[in-house]
C-alpha atoms as a PDB file:
ATOM      1  CA  MET A   1      85.736 147.687 144.843  1.00  0.00           C
ATOM      2  CA  ARG A   2      81.734 148.374 143.972  1.00  0.00           C
ATOM      3  CA  ILE A   3      79.727 145.207 143.125  1.00  0.00           C
ATOM      4  CA  LEU A   4      76.050 144.465 142.220  1.00  0.00           C
ATOM      5  CA  ILE A   5      74.798 141.093 142.922  1.00  0.00           C
ATOM      6  CA  ALA A   6      71.490 140.503 140.763  1.00  0.00           C
ATOM      7  CA  GLY A   7      69.020 137.889 142.704  1.00  0.00           C
ATOM      8  CA  ALA A   8      68.734 137.586 146.408  1.00  0.00           C
ATOM      9  CA  GLY A   9      68.498 133.773 146.361  1.00  0.00           C
ATOM     10  CA  ILE A  10      70.333 131.974 149.128  1.00  0.00           C
ATOM     11  CA  SER A  11      73.681 132.370 146.429  1.00  0.00           C
ATOM     12  CA  GLY A  12      72.822 136.347 146.044  1.00  0.00           C
ATOM     13  CA  LEU A  13      72.415 136.549 149.893  1.00  0.00           C
ATOM     14  CA  THR A  14      75.409 134.850 151.135  1.00  0.00           C
ATOM     15  CA  ALA A  15      77.977 136.602 148.040  1.00  0.00           C
ATOM     16  CA  THR A  16      76.451 139.332 149.705  1.00  0.00           C
ATOM     17  CA  LEU A  17      76.792 139.184 153.139  1.00  0.00           C
ATOM     18  CA  CYS A  18      80.201 137.492 152.460  1.00  0.00           C
ATOM     19  CA  LEU A  19      81.382 140.465 150.112  1.00  0.00           C
ATOM     20  CA  LEU A  20      80.105 142.729 152.929  1.00  0.00           C
ATOM     21  CA  ARG A  21      82.513 141.312 155.450  1.00  0.00           C
ATOM     22  CA  ALA A  22      84.692 141.485 153.600  1.00  0.00           C
ATOM     23  CA  GLU A  23      84.734 145.663 153.422  1.00  0.00           C
ATOM     24  CA  HIS A  24      83.413 146.201 150.001  1.00  0.00           C
ATOM     25  CA  ASP A  25      80.560 148.263 148.440  1.00  0.00           C
ATOM     26  CA  VAL A  26      77.442 145.570 147.783  1.00  0.00           C
ATOM     27  CA  HIS A  27      74.251 146.091 145.922  1.00  0.00           C
ATOM     28  CA  LEU A  28      71.846 143.474 145.578  1.00  0.00           C
ATOM     29  CA  VAL A  29      68.710 143.702 143.516  1.00  0.00           C
ATOM     30  CA  GLU A  30      65.520 141.790 143.933  1.00  0.00           C
ATOM     31  CA  GLN A  31      62.819 141.864 141.178  1.00  0.00           C
ATOM     32  CA  ALA A  32      60.291 139.977 143.708  1.00  0.00           C
ATOM     33  CA  SER A  33      58.597 142.536 145.742  1.00  0.00           C
ATOM     34  CA  GLN A  34      58.521 140.701 148.913  1.00  0.00           C
ATOM     35  CA  PHE A  35      60.581 137.697 150.082  1.00  0.00           C
ATOM     36  CA  SER A  36      58.578 134.196 151.053  1.00  0.00           C
ATOM     37  CA  GLU A  37      59.174 130.667 150.634  1.00  0.00           C
ATOM     38  CA  PHE A  38      59.863 129.322 147.417  1.00  0.00           C
ATOM     39  CA  GLY A  39      60.162 125.991 146.291  1.00  0.00           C
ATOM     40  CA  GLY A  40      60.848 121.976 148.228  1.00  0.00           C
ATOM     41  CA  GLY A  41      63.775 122.930 149.873  1.00  0.00           C
ATOM     42  CA  LEU A  42      67.387 122.944 149.850  1.00  0.00           C
ATOM     43  CA  GLN A  43      70.273 120.538 150.468  1.00  0.00           C
ATOM     44  CA  CYS A  44      73.550 122.184 152.185  1.00  0.00           C
ATOM     45  CA  GLY A  45      76.813 120.530 151.679  1.00  0.00           C
ATOM     46  CA  ALA A  46      79.320 120.742 155.130  1.00  0.00           C
ATOM     47  CA  LYS A  47      80.984 123.495 152.766  1.00  0.00           C
ATOM     48  CA  ALA A  48      77.902 125.764 152.800  1.00  0.00           C
ATOM     49  CA  VAL A  49      77.520 124.942 156.473  1.00  0.00           C
ATOM     50  CA  ARG A  50      80.826 126.544 157.454  1.00  0.00           C
ATOM     51  CA  VAL A  51      80.240 129.561 155.353  1.00  0.00           C
ATOM     52  CA  PHE A  52      76.834 129.759 157.238  1.00  0.00           C
ATOM     53  CA  ASP A  53      78.744 130.004 160.454  1.00  0.00           C
ATOM     54  CA  TYR A  54      81.503 132.204 159.637  1.00  0.00           C
ATOM     55  CA  LEU A  55      78.883 134.591 158.730  1.00  0.00           C
ATOM     56  CA  GLY A  56      76.652 133.906 162.124  1.00  0.00           C
ATOM     57  CA  ILE A  57      73.998 132.605 160.706  1.00  0.00           C
ATOM     58  CA  LEU A  58      73.681 128.838 161.072  1.00  0.00           C
ATOM     59  CA  PRO A  59      72.072 129.123 164.571  1.00  0.00           C
ATOM     60  CA  VAL A  60      69.422 130.860 162.427  1.00  0.00           C
ATOM     61  CA  LEU A  61      69.415 128.069 160.211  1.00  0.00           C
ATOM     62  CA  GLU A  62      69.468 124.935 162.349  1.00  0.00           C
ATOM     63  CA  SER A  63      66.564 126.355 164.372  1.00  0.00           C
ATOM     64  CA  VAL A  64      64.314 125.650 160.662  1.00  0.00           C
ATOM     65  CA  SER A  65      65.966 122.837 159.857  1.00  0.00           C
ATOM     66  CA  ILE A  66      65.543 118.906 159.925  1.00  0.00           C
ATOM     67  CA  ALA A  67      69.169 117.335 159.354  1.00  0.00           C
ATOM     68  CA  ALA A  68      69.373 114.527 157.198  1.00  0.00           C
ATOM     69  CA  VAL A  69      71.747 111.359 158.544  1.00  0.00           C
END
């Protein structure tokens, strides 16, 4: 299946990685010319963290995160 993802925010990037893992033909487009920090922060629930772990990016995210308990 050929899939187009418009927008390389957290949702677009996560969807792209999941679809690539499922061996789909994915094309990601982003209008910004470069990636940079944008916004004040991001809160992720337990289900989102499980997806990041499945994708193998959880250790990187934990290295730049602050856990609120």
